[in-house]
Amino acid sequence: MRDRFTITISDINGSKHYQLHQVIKKFVLYFSLFIVLVILGGSFFISFLMDEVDSLEVKKAKILQEQAALKKKNDVLQVQISEKTQEFEDIKEKITDIEELVGLKPSSETKVDDRLQDITFTSSQQKAFFNSIPNGEVIPYSGLSGSFGWRVHPILKRKEFHRGIDLRAKIGTPIKAPADGVIEFAGYHKSSGFGNLVIMEHNYGFKTSYAHLEGKFPFQAGDFVRKGEIIGYTGNSGLSTGPHLHYEVRFITRPLDPKNFLNWNSSNFKEIFEKEKRVSWQSLIKIMNNQFHLQKQQ
């Protein structure tokens, strides 16, 4: 009887006895225990899944919030881009209007060069030109180490447009102003790699720049400088492979080849009109001649 398990079921009709073997008893016990464990494990797993779902819902809400914030920021940026684009177009339109007003808008007429060659200039008019527009050597010419145009940067090793020329020079060579003007900047210009830099504004939209200088500046920003006065000294500051002068000439922000202006003098006065096509010389000459005549009448 020890190996048997007795189950008694009683009702109104009496009692019934069932005997089960001890092995079955153990099986029923273990199976019941297994069912309990499965239920408990399932409960814990379901609870874990519910926590994960809640966590994912929180993450989803956060992502949606960030997405909404990014969309809002993107909308703001799009508006700003549109505004800046419109401002740029307005500025371009204003520049065009100014060019038309002062006669600097490129002419579509033919044979402009021929008409320029037919114009006669007095010595006084030529002097006025040379005092106002950059011309002649800014340092004694000893050759070029870098030309105007596309090249591979000697230090950065990338292709870029060289907006000036590099003139060979010993450290400390005096630099002379190529025309009357006002100093726009004189100091160290780190972001450009130019080192010690001088920028001059001249008449009629011309501007010149002188880079890699020594740290001695005879003039400061806002000073008026006469043609031929010393504005700085050559050096080796900034991104430079050796002592030289980086020289730029611009006309209304357009970079021009400075070499054309180095050789410009009274003996070849009209050659610049053919060499440098990015300047509307005919309109410029008209403006300067009008001013010249007004000064004579005063």
C-alpha atoms as a PDB file:
ATOM      1  CA  MET A   1       0.000   0.000   0.000  1.00  0.00           C
ATOM      2  CA  ARG A   2       2.976   2.257   0.419  1.00  0.00           C
ATOM      3  CA  ASP A   3       3.452   2.543  -3.331  1.00  0.00           C
ATOM      4  CA  ARG A   4      -0.144   3.512  -3.889  1.00  0.00           C
ATOM      5  CA  PHE A   5      -1.960   6.774  -3.520  1.00  0.00           C
ATOM      6  CA  THR A   6      -5.673   6.655  -2.545  1.00  0.00           C
ATOM      7  CA  ILE A   7      -8.137   9.318  -3.742  1.00  0.00           C
ATOM      8  CA  THR A   8     -11.597   9.298  -2.115  1.00  0.00           C
ATOM      9  CA  ILE A   9     -14.566  11.037  -3.778  1.00  0.00           C
ATOM     10  CA  SER A  10     -17.744  11.337  -1.700  1.00  0.00           C
ATOM     11  CA  ASP A  11     -21.243  12.324  -2.832  1.00  0.00           C
ATOM     12  CA  ILE A  12     -24.876  11.607  -1.784  1.00  0.00           C
ATOM     13  CA  ASN A  13     -24.623   8.152  -3.160  1.00  0.00           C
ATOM     14  CA  GLY A  14     -21.686   7.260  -1.001  1.00  0.00           C
ATOM     15  CA  SER A  15     -17.924   7.277  -1.285  1.00  0.00           C
ATOM     16  CA  LYS A  16     -15.706   5.967  -3.985  1.00  0.00           C
ATOM     17  CA  HIS A  17     -12.071   5.147  -3.534  1.00  0.00           C
ATOM     18  CA  TYR A  18      -9.438   5.328  -6.241  1.00  0.00           C
ATOM     19  CA  GLN A  19      -5.933   4.116  -5.780  1.00  0.00           C
ATOM     20  CA  LEU A  20      -3.055   5.530  -7.816  1.00  0.00           C
ATOM     21  CA  HIS A  21       0.408   4.242  -8.017  1.00  0.00           C
ATOM     22  CA  GLN A  22       3.087   6.346  -6.234  1.00  0.00           C
ATOM     23  CA  VAL A  23       4.811   7.107  -9.577  1.00  0.00           C
ATOM     24  CA  ILE A  24       1.641   8.665 -10.890  1.00  0.00           C
ATOM     25  CA  LYS A  25       1.428  10.624  -7.684  1.00  0.00           C
ATOM     26  CA  LYS A  26       4.884  12.072  -8.271  1.00  0.00           C
ATOM     27  CA  PHE A  27       4.088  12.778 -11.898  1.00  0.00           C
ATOM     28  CA  VAL A  28       0.956  14.687 -10.956  1.00  0.00           C
ATOM     29  CA  LEU A  29       2.910  16.602  -8.313  1.00  0.00           C
ATOM     30  CA  TYR A  30       5.754  17.523 -10.660  1.00  0.00           C
ATOM     31  CA  PHE A  31       3.384  18.379 -13.477  1.00  0.00           C
ATOM     32  CA  SER A  32       1.396  20.637 -11.173  1.00  0.00           C
ATOM     33  CA  LEU A  33       4.627  22.269 -10.036  1.00  0.00           C
ATOM     34  CA  PHE A  34       5.657  22.714 -13.693  1.00  0.00           C
ATOM     35  CA  ILE A  35       2.313  24.355 -14.509  1.00  0.00           C
ATOM     36  CA  VAL A  36       2.752  26.720 -11.562  1.00  0.00           C
ATOM     37  CA  LEU A  37       6.272  27.602 -12.687  1.00  0.00           C
ATOM     38  CA  VAL A  38       5.076  28.154 -16.262  1.00  0.00           C
ATOM     39  CA  ILE A  39       2.323  30.438 -15.013  1.00  0.00           C
ATOM     40  CA  LEU A  40       4.732  32.353 -12.781  1.00  0.00           C
ATOM     41  CA  GLY A  41       7.350  32.564 -15.552  1.00  0.00           C
ATOM     42  CA  GLY A  42       4.728  33.648 -18.032  1.00  0.00           C
ATOM     43  CA  SER A  43       3.539  36.322 -15.627  1.00  0.00           C
ATOM     44  CA  PHE A  44       7.073  37.679 -15.182  1.00  0.00           C
ATOM     45  CA  PHE A  45       7.709  37.555 -18.945  1.00  0.00           C
ATOM     46  CA  ILE A  46       4.434  39.328 -19.711  1.00  0.00           C
ATOM     47  CA  SER A  47       5.292  41.933 -17.071  1.00  0.00           C
ATOM     48  CA  PHE A  48       8.747  42.370 -18.685  1.00  0.00           C
ATOM     49  CA  LEU A  49       7.172  42.740 -22.123  1.00  0.00           C
ATOM     50  CA  MET A  50       4.719  45.304 -20.796  1.00  0.00           C
ATOM     51  CA  ASP A  51       7.617  47.290 -19.314  1.00  0.00           C
ATOM     52  CA  GLU A  52       9.435  47.095 -22.649  1.00  0.00           C
ATOM     53  CA  VAL A  53       6.317  48.258 -24.473  1.00  0.00           C
ATOM     54  CA  ASP A  54       6.003  51.183 -22.059  1.00  0.00           C
ATOM     55  CA  SER A  55       9.692  52.015 -22.571  1.00  0.00           C
ATOM     56  CA  LEU A  56       9.313  51.836 -26.348  1.00  0.00           C
ATOM     57  CA  GLU A  57       6.243  54.061 -26.155  1.00  0.00           C
ATOM     58  CA  VAL A  58       8.262  56.628 -24.182  1.00  0.00           C
ATOM     59  CA  LYS A  59      11.102  56.429 -26.718  1.00  0.00           C
ATOM     60  CA  LYS A  60       8.625  56.704 -29.582  1.00  0.00           C
ATOM     61  CA  ALA A  61       7.048  59.781 -28.008  1.00  0.00           C
ATOM     62  CA  LYS A  62      10.511  61.323 -27.512  1.00  0.00           C
ATOM     63  CA  ILE A  63      11.500  60.583 -31.116  1.00  0.00           C
ATOM     64  CA  LEU A  64       8.249  62.060 -32.401  1.00  0.00           C
ATOM     65  CA  GLN A  65       8.856  65.134 -30.255  1.00  0.00           C
ATOM     66  CA  GLU A  66      12.413  65.486 -31.581  1.00  0.00           C
ATOM     67  CA  GLN A  67      11.154  64.934 -35.128  1.00  0.00           C
ATOM     68  CA  ALA A  68       8.578  67.683 -34.652  1.00  0.00           C
ATOM     69  CA  ALA A  69      11.271  69.992 -33.255  1.00  0.00           C
ATOM     70  CA  LEU A  70      13.576  69.222 -36.199  1.00  0.00           C
ATOM     71  CA  LYS A  71      10.746  69.826 -38.651  1.00  0.00           C
ATOM     72  CA  LYS A  72      10.012  73.148 -36.977  1.00  0.00           C
ATOM     73  CA  LYS A  73      13.706  74.062 -37.073  1.00  0.00           C
ATOM     74  CA  ASN A  74      13.922  72.985 -40.718  1.00  0.00           C
ATOM     75  CA  ASP A  75      10.902  75.147 -41.546  1.00  0.00           C
ATOM     76  CA  VAL A  76      12.598  78.112 -39.856  1.00  0.00           C
ATOM     77  CA  LEU A  77      15.826  77.442 -41.780  1.00  0.00           C
ATOM     78  CA  GLN A  78      13.914  77.194 -45.044  1.00  0.00           C
ATOM     79  CA  VAL A  79      12.320  80.566 -44.331  1.00  0.00           C
ATOM     80  CA  GLN A  80      15.737  82.039 -43.497  1.00  0.00           C
ATOM     81  CA  ILE A  81      17.226  80.578 -46.685  1.00  0.00           C
ATOM     82  CA  SER A  82      14.380  82.053 -48.700  1.00  0.00           C
ATOM     83  CA  GLU A  83      14.876  85.429 -47.017  1.00  0.00           C
ATOM     84  CA  LYS A  84      18.655  85.355 -47.597  1.00  0.00           C
ATOM     85  CA  THR A  85      18.124  84.292 -51.207  1.00  0.00           C
ATOM     86  CA  GLN A  86      15.750  87.197 -51.689  1.00  0.00           C
ATOM     87  CA  GLU A  87      18.235  89.547 -50.000  1.00  0.00           C
ATOM     88  CA  PHE A  88      20.960  88.259 -52.323  1.00  0.00           C
ATOM     89  CA  GLU A  89      18.750  88.833 -55.352  1.00  0.00           C
ATOM     90  CA  ASP A  90      17.917  92.323 -54.075  1.00  0.00           C
ATOM     91  CA  ILE A  91      21.622  93.078 -53.620  1.00  0.00           C
ATOM     92  CA  LYS A  92      22.380  91.796 -57.130  1.00  0.00           C
ATOM     93  CA  GLU A  93      19.609  93.999 -58.482  1.00  0.00           C
ATOM     94  CA  LYS A  94      20.949  97.007 -56.566  1.00  0.00           C
ATOM     95  CA  ILE A  95      24.475  96.355 -57.872  1.00  0.00           C
ATOM     96  CA  THR A  96      23.086  96.178 -61.401  1.00  0.00           C
ATOM     97  CA  ASP A  97      21.221  99.434 -60.832  1.00  0.00           C
ATOM     98  CA  ILE A  98      24.374 101.095 -59.488  1.00  0.00           C
ATOM     99  CA  GLU A  99      26.432  99.808 -62.426  1.00  0.00           C
ATOM    100  CA  GLU A 100      23.853 101.184 -64.830  1.00  0.00           C
ATOM    101  CA  LEU A 101      23.726 104.463 -62.911  1.00  0.00           C
ATOM    102  CA  VAL A 102      27.483 105.062 -62.997  1.00  0.00           C
ATOM    103  CA  GLY A 103      27.935 103.487 -66.424  1.00  0.00           C
ATOM    104  CA  LEU A 104      29.873 100.409 -65.316  1.00  0.00           C
ATOM    105  CA  LYS A 105      27.494  97.782 -66.679  1.00  0.00           C
ATOM    106  CA  PRO A 106      29.191  95.837 -69.482  1.00  0.00           C
ATOM    107  CA  SER A 107      28.367  97.383 -72.837  1.00  0.00           C
ATOM    108  CA  SER A 108      26.867  95.260 -75.593  1.00  0.00           C
ATOM    109  CA  GLU A 109      28.076  97.663 -78.249  1.00  0.00           C
ATOM    110  CA  THR A 110      30.718  96.492 -80.682  1.00  0.00           C
ATOM    111  CA  LYS A 111      34.200  97.844 -81.323  1.00  0.00           C
ATOM    112  CA  VAL A 112      34.610  99.334 -77.847  1.00  0.00           C
ATOM    113  CA  ASP A 113      38.367  98.699 -77.983  1.00  0.00           C
ATOM    114  CA  ASP A 114      38.608 100.612 -81.246  1.00  0.00           C
ATOM    115  CA  ARG A 115      36.880 103.629 -79.724  1.00  0.00           C
ATOM    116  CA  LEU A 116      39.160 103.520 -76.687  1.00  0.00           C
ATOM    117  CA  GLN A 117      42.227 103.486 -78.902  1.00  0.00           C
ATOM    118  CA  ASP A 118      40.890 106.572 -80.699  1.00  0.00           C
ATOM    119  CA  ILE A 119      40.605 108.589 -77.473  1.00  0.00           C
ATOM    120  CA  THR A 120      43.374 111.118 -76.872  1.00  0.00           C
ATOM    121  CA  PHE A 121      44.573 111.611 -73.299  1.00  0.00           C
ATOM    122  CA  THR A 122      46.499 114.637 -72.096  1.00  0.00           C
ATOM    123  CA  SER A 123      49.397 114.275 -69.669  1.00  0.00           C
ATOM    124  CA  SER A 124      47.193 115.754 -66.924  1.00  0.00           C
ATOM    125  CA  GLN A 125      44.503 113.165 -67.608  1.00  0.00           C
ATOM    126  CA  GLN A 126      47.053 110.352 -67.537  1.00  0.00           C
ATOM    127  CA  LYS A 127      48.412 111.668 -64.234  1.00  0.00           C
ATOM    128  CA  ALA A 128      44.880 111.671 -62.801  1.00  0.00           C
ATOM    129  CA  PHE A 129      44.478 108.047 -63.942  1.00  0.00           C
ATOM    130  CA  PHE A 130      47.766 106.954 -62.389  1.00  0.00           C
ATOM    131  CA  ASN A 131      47.006 108.704 -59.094  1.00  0.00           C
ATOM    132  CA  SER A 132      43.585 107.028 -58.813  1.00  0.00           C
ATOM    133  CA  ILE A 133      44.014 103.549 -60.326  1.00  0.00           C
ATOM    134  CA  PRO A 134      46.722 101.064 -59.179  1.00  0.00           C
ATOM    135  CA  ASN A 135      49.727 101.065 -61.512  1.00  0.00           C
ATOM    136  CA  GLY A 136      53.464 100.476 -61.542  1.00  0.00           C
ATOM    137  CA  GLU A 137      55.697  98.374 -59.299  1.00  0.00           C
ATOM    138  CA  VAL A 138      54.865  98.147 -55.614  1.00  0.00           C
ATOM    139  CA  ILE A 139      58.313  96.636 -54.895  1.00  0.00           C
ATOM    140  CA  PRO A 140      61.377  96.307 -57.161  1.00  0.00           C
ATOM    141  CA  TYR A 141      60.534  93.496 -59.594  1.00  0.00           C
ATOM    142  CA  SER A 142      62.628  90.328 -59.058  1.00  0.00           C
ATOM    143  CA  GLY A 143      60.334  87.826 -60.763  1.00  0.00           C
ATOM    144  CA  LEU A 144      57.251  85.831 -59.814  1.00  0.00           C
ATOM    145  CA  SER A 145      57.000  82.757 -57.599  1.00  0.00           C
ATOM    146  CA  GLY A 146      53.251  82.439 -58.200  1.00  0.00           C
ATOM    147  CA  SER A 147      51.052  83.586 -61.088  1.00  0.00           C
ATOM    148  CA  PHE A 148      47.414  84.679 -61.267  1.00  0.00           C
ATOM    149  CA  GLY A 149      44.904  81.872 -61.939  1.00  0.00           C
ATOM    150  CA  TRP A 150      44.319  78.214 -61.098  1.00  0.00           C
ATOM    151  CA  ARG A 151      47.103  76.352 -59.298  1.00  0.00           C
ATOM    152  CA  VAL A 152      47.833  73.756 -56.592  1.00  0.00           C
ATOM    153  CA  HIS A 153      48.380  75.497 -53.256  1.00  0.00           C
ATOM    154  CA  PRO A 154      52.044  74.963 -52.261  1.00  0.00           C
ATOM    155  CA  ILE A 155      51.147  74.186 -48.625  1.00  0.00           C
ATOM    156  CA  LEU A 156      47.538  72.955 -48.601  1.00  0.00           C
ATOM    157  CA  LYS A 157      48.160  70.817 -51.740  1.00  0.00           C
ATOM    158  CA  ARG A 158      44.700  71.474 -53.188  1.00  0.00           C
ATOM    159  CA  LYS A 159      43.652  73.095 -56.447  1.00  0.00           C
ATOM    160  CA  GLU A 160      42.406  76.641 -55.995  1.00  0.00           C
ATOM    161  CA  PHE A 161      42.191  79.949 -57.826  1.00  0.00           C
ATOM    162  CA  HIS A 162      45.132  82.218 -56.995  1.00  0.00           C
ATOM    163  CA  ARG A 163      43.577  85.697 -56.942  1.00  0.00           C
ATOM    164  CA  GLY A 164      46.866  87.536 -57.045  1.00  0.00           C
ATOM    165  CA  ILE A 165      50.542  87.143 -57.862  1.00  0.00           C
ATOM    166  CA  ASP A 166      53.496  86.258 -55.635  1.00  0.00           C
ATOM    167  CA  LEU A 167      56.422  88.643 -56.089  1.00  0.00           C
ATOM    168  CA  ARG A 168      59.874  87.460 -55.031  1.00  0.00           C
ATOM    169  CA  ALA A 169      61.363  89.723 -52.370  1.00  0.00           C
ATOM    170  CA  LYS A 170      63.749  89.778 -49.430  1.00  0.00           C
ATOM    171  CA  ILE A 171      62.323  90.296 -45.956  1.00  0.00           C
ATOM    172  CA  GLY A 172      61.949  93.973 -45.120  1.00  0.00           C
ATOM    173  CA  THR A 173      61.543  95.298 -48.676  1.00  0.00           C
ATOM    174  CA  PRO A 174      59.445  98.521 -48.564  1.00  0.00           C
ATOM    175  CA  ILE A 175      56.049  98.332 -50.300  1.00  0.00           C
ATOM    176  CA  LYS A 176      54.830 101.493 -52.016  1.00  0.00           C
ATOM    177  CA  ALA A 177      51.203 102.399 -52.640  1.00  0.00           C
ATOM    178  CA  PRO A 178      50.390 102.055 -56.383  1.00  0.00           C
ATOM    179  CA  ALA A 179      47.765 104.839 -56.203  1.00  0.00           C
ATOM    180  CA  ASP A 180      46.090 107.190 -53.757  1.00  0.00           C
ATOM    181  CA  GLY A 181      43.737 105.446 -51.366  1.00  0.00           C
ATOM    182  CA  VAL A 182      42.533 104.733 -47.848  1.00  0.00           C
ATOM    183  CA  ILE A 183      43.749 101.889 -45.625  1.00  0.00           C
ATOM    184  CA  GLU A 184      40.853  99.486 -45.083  1.00  0.00           C
ATOM    185  CA  PHE A 185      42.784  96.945 -42.982  1.00  0.00           C
ATOM    186  CA  ALA A 186      46.262  96.727 -41.475  1.00  0.00           C
ATOM    187  CA  GLY A 187      47.044  93.860 -39.122  1.00  0.00           C
ATOM    188  CA  TYR A 188      47.299  90.101 -38.715  1.00  0.00           C
ATOM    189  CA  HIS A 189      44.630  88.191 -40.673  1.00  0.00           C
ATOM    190  CA  LYS A 190      44.692  84.640 -39.292  1.00  0.00           C
ATOM    191  CA  SER A 191      41.636  83.069 -40.952  1.00  0.00           C
ATOM    192  CA  SER A 192      42.833  83.721 -44.525  1.00  0.00           C
ATOM    193  CA  GLY A 193      46.380  82.442 -44.045  1.00  0.00           C
ATOM    194  CA  PHE A 194      47.666  85.816 -45.308  1.00  0.00           C
ATOM    195  CA  GLY A 195      49.390  86.618 -42.018  1.00  0.00           C
ATOM    196  CA  ASN A 196      50.162  90.319 -41.739  1.00  0.00           C
ATOM    197  CA  LEU A 197      47.922  91.986 -44.303  1.00  0.00           C
ATOM    198  CA  VAL A 198      47.268  95.469 -45.685  1.00  0.00           C
ATOM    199  CA  ILE A 199      44.173  96.261 -47.780  1.00  0.00           C
ATOM    200  CA  MET A 200      43.796  99.584 -49.611  1.00  0.00           C
ATOM    201  CA  GLU A 201      40.672 101.077 -51.162  1.00  0.00           C
ATOM    202  CA  HIS A 202      41.266 103.253 -54.208  1.00  0.00           C
ATOM    203  CA  ASN A 203      38.961 105.358 -56.358  1.00  0.00           C
ATOM    204  CA  TYR A 204      36.341 104.016 -58.809  1.00  0.00           C
ATOM    205  CA  GLY A 205      35.922 100.603 -57.145  1.00  0.00           C
ATOM    206  CA  PHE A 206      39.563  99.450 -57.228  1.00  0.00           C
ATOM    207  CA  LYS A 207      41.119  97.698 -54.241  1.00  0.00           C
ATOM    208  CA  THR A 208      44.600  96.248 -53.592  1.00  0.00           C
ATOM    209  CA  SER A 209      45.847  93.737 -50.993  1.00  0.00           C
ATOM    210  CA  TYR A 210      49.354  92.971 -49.712  1.00  0.00           C
ATOM    211  CA  ALA A 211      49.926  89.754 -47.732  1.00  0.00           C
ATOM    212  CA  HIS A 212      52.625  87.877 -45.745  1.00  0.00           C
ATOM    213  CA  LEU A 213      54.150  91.145 -44.490  1.00  0.00           C
ATOM    214  CA  GLU A 214      56.274  91.986 -41.483  1.00  0.00           C
ATOM    215  CA  GLY A 215      54.373  93.208 -38.448  1.00  0.00           C
ATOM    216  CA  LYS A 216      55.274  96.885 -38.981  1.00  0.00           C
ATOM    217  CA  PHE A 217      52.425  99.049 -40.292  1.00  0.00           C
ATOM    218  CA  PRO A 218      53.209 102.705 -41.125  1.00  0.00           C
ATOM    219  CA  PHE A 219      49.482 103.385 -41.575  1.00  0.00           C
ATOM    220  CA  GLN A 220      46.367 102.180 -39.775  1.00  0.00           C
ATOM    221  CA  ALA A 221      42.789 101.568 -40.928  1.00  0.00           C
ATOM    222  CA  GLY A 222      41.169 104.824 -42.021  1.00  0.00           C
ATOM    223  CA  ASP A 223      44.425 106.600 -42.930  1.00  0.00           C
ATOM    224  CA  PHE A 224      44.699 108.306 -46.320  1.00  0.00           C
ATOM    225  CA  VAL A 225      47.786 107.306 -48.324  1.00  0.00           C
ATOM    226  CA  ARG A 226      49.351 109.043 -51.292  1.00  0.00           C
ATOM    227  CA  LYS A 227      50.727 107.152 -54.286  1.00  0.00           C
ATOM    228  CA  GLY A 228      54.339 106.148 -53.610  1.00  0.00           C
ATOM    229  CA  GLU A 229      54.141 106.213 -49.803  1.00  0.00           C
ATOM    230  CA  ILE A 230      55.396 103.138 -47.920  1.00  0.00           C
ATOM    231  CA  ILE A 231      52.478 101.083 -46.584  1.00  0.00           C
ATOM    232  CA  GLY A 232      54.362  98.045 -45.262  1.00  0.00           C
ATOM    233  CA  TYR A 233      57.351  95.713 -45.567  1.00  0.00           C
ATOM    234  CA  THR A 234      57.623  92.265 -47.150  1.00  0.00           C
ATOM    235  CA  GLY A 235      57.895  89.300 -44.800  1.00  0.00           C
ATOM    236  CA  ASN A 236      57.081  85.616 -44.383  1.00  0.00           C
ATOM    237  CA  SER A 237      54.006  85.586 -42.117  1.00  0.00           C
ATOM    238  CA  GLY A 238      50.943  83.349 -42.444  1.00  0.00           C
ATOM    239  CA  LEU A 239      50.817  80.330 -44.785  1.00  0.00           C
ATOM    240  CA  SER A 240      54.012  81.026 -46.683  1.00  0.00           C
ATOM    241  CA  THR A 241      56.819  78.895 -48.100  1.00  0.00           C
ATOM    242  CA  GLY A 242      59.331  81.752 -48.019  1.00  0.00           C
ATOM    243  CA  PRO A 243      59.727  85.534 -48.111  1.00  0.00           C
ATOM    244  CA  HIS A 244      57.587  87.095 -50.844  1.00  0.00           C
ATOM    245  CA  LEU A 245      54.738  89.551 -51.436  1.00  0.00           C
ATOM    246  CA  HIS A 246      51.261  88.320 -52.326  1.00  0.00           C
ATOM    247  CA  TYR A 247      49.710  91.193 -54.308  1.00  0.00           C
ATOM    248  CA  GLU A 248      46.064  91.446 -55.402  1.00  0.00           C
ATOM    249  CA  VAL A 249      44.141  93.959 -57.511  1.00  0.00           C
ATOM    250  CA  ARG A 250      40.330  93.952 -57.567  1.00  0.00           C
ATOM    251  CA  PHE A 251      37.665  95.956 -59.370  1.00  0.00           C
ATOM    252  CA  ILE A 252      34.227  95.908 -57.682  1.00  0.00           C
ATOM    253  CA  THR A 253      35.169  92.574 -55.993  1.00  0.00           C
ATOM    254  CA  ARG A 254      36.377  91.049 -59.309  1.00  0.00           C
ATOM    255  CA  PRO A 255      39.968  89.769 -59.057  1.00  0.00           C
ATOM    256  CA  LEU A 256      42.236  91.131 -61.799  1.00  0.00           C
ATOM    257  CA  ASP A 257      45.702  90.034 -62.893  1.00  0.00           C
ATOM    258  CA  PRO A 258      48.049  92.420 -61.016  1.00  0.00           C
ATOM    259  CA  LYS A 259      50.827  91.821 -63.554  1.00  0.00           C
ATOM    260  CA  ASN A 260      48.906  93.912 -66.105  1.00  0.00           C
ATOM    261  CA  PHE A 261      49.020  96.841 -63.681  1.00  0.00           C
ATOM    262  CA  LEU A 262      52.692  96.423 -62.707  1.00  0.00           C
ATOM    263  CA  ASN A 263      53.810  97.289 -66.238  1.00  0.00           C
ATOM    264  CA  TRP A 264      51.255 100.059 -66.811  1.00  0.00           C
ATOM    265  CA  ASN A 265      52.843 103.455 -67.443  1.00  0.00           C
ATOM    266  CA  SER A 266      52.558 106.490 -69.725  1.00  0.00           C
ATOM    267  CA  SER A 267      54.467 104.804 -72.568  1.00  0.00           C
ATOM    268  CA  ASN A 268      51.908 101.970 -72.862  1.00  0.00           C
ATOM    269  CA  PHE A 269      48.929 103.815 -71.417  1.00  0.00           C
ATOM    270  CA  LYS A 270      46.268 102.298 -73.715  1.00  0.00           C
ATOM    271  CA  GLU A 271      47.514  98.685 -73.565  1.00  0.00           C
ATOM    272  CA  ILE A 272      45.674  98.070 -70.286  1.00  0.00           C
ATOM    273  CA  PHE A 273      42.351  98.571 -72.100  1.00  0.00           C
ATOM    274  CA  GLU A 274      43.026  95.450 -74.195  1.00  0.00           C
ATOM    275  CA  LYS A 275      44.806  93.361 -71.538  1.00  0.00           C
ATOM    276  CA  GLU A 276      42.206  93.739 -68.799  1.00  0.00           C
ATOM    277  CA  LYS A 277      38.721  93.066 -70.197  1.00  0.00           C
ATOM    278  CA  ARG A 278      36.996  92.769 -66.800  1.00  0.00           C
ATOM    279  CA  VAL A 279      36.998  96.539 -66.355  1.00  0.00           C
ATOM    280  CA  SER A 280      34.503  98.686 -68.292  1.00  0.00           C
ATOM    281  CA  TRP A 281      37.168 101.180 -69.288  1.00  0.00           C
ATOM    282  CA  GLN A 282      34.972 103.226 -71.616  1.00  0.00           C
ATOM    283  CA  SER A 283      32.465 104.068 -68.882  1.00  0.00           C
ATOM    284  CA  LEU A 284      35.256 104.604 -66.365  1.00  0.00           C
ATOM    285  CA  ILE A 285      37.096 106.998 -68.684  1.00  0.00           C
ATOM    286  CA  LYS A 286      33.883 108.930 -69.269  1.00  0.00           C
ATOM    287  CA  ILE A 287      33.334 109.375 -65.520  1.00  0.00           C
ATOM    288  CA  MET A 288      36.947 110.381 -64.873  1.00  0.00           C
ATOM    289  CA  ASN A 289      36.996 112.841 -67.766  1.00  0.00           C
ATOM    290  CA  ASN A 290      33.791 114.459 -66.513  1.00  0.00           C
ATOM    291  CA  GLN A 291      35.347 114.862 -63.071  1.00  0.00           C
ATOM    292  CA  PHE A 292      38.563 116.169 -64.617  1.00  0.00           C
ATOM    293  CA  HIS A 293      36.676 118.857 -66.563  1.00  0.00           C
ATOM    294  CA  LEU A 294      34.651 119.839 -63.484  1.00  0.00           C
ATOM    295  CA  GLN A 295      37.856 120.282 -61.477  1.00  0.00           C
ATOM    296  CA  LYS A 296      39.315 122.488 -64.209  1.00  0.00           C
ATOM    297  CA  GLN A 297      36.230 124.706 -64.149  1.00  0.00           C
ATOM    298  CA  GLN A 298      36.434 125.266 -60.391  1.00  0.00           C
END
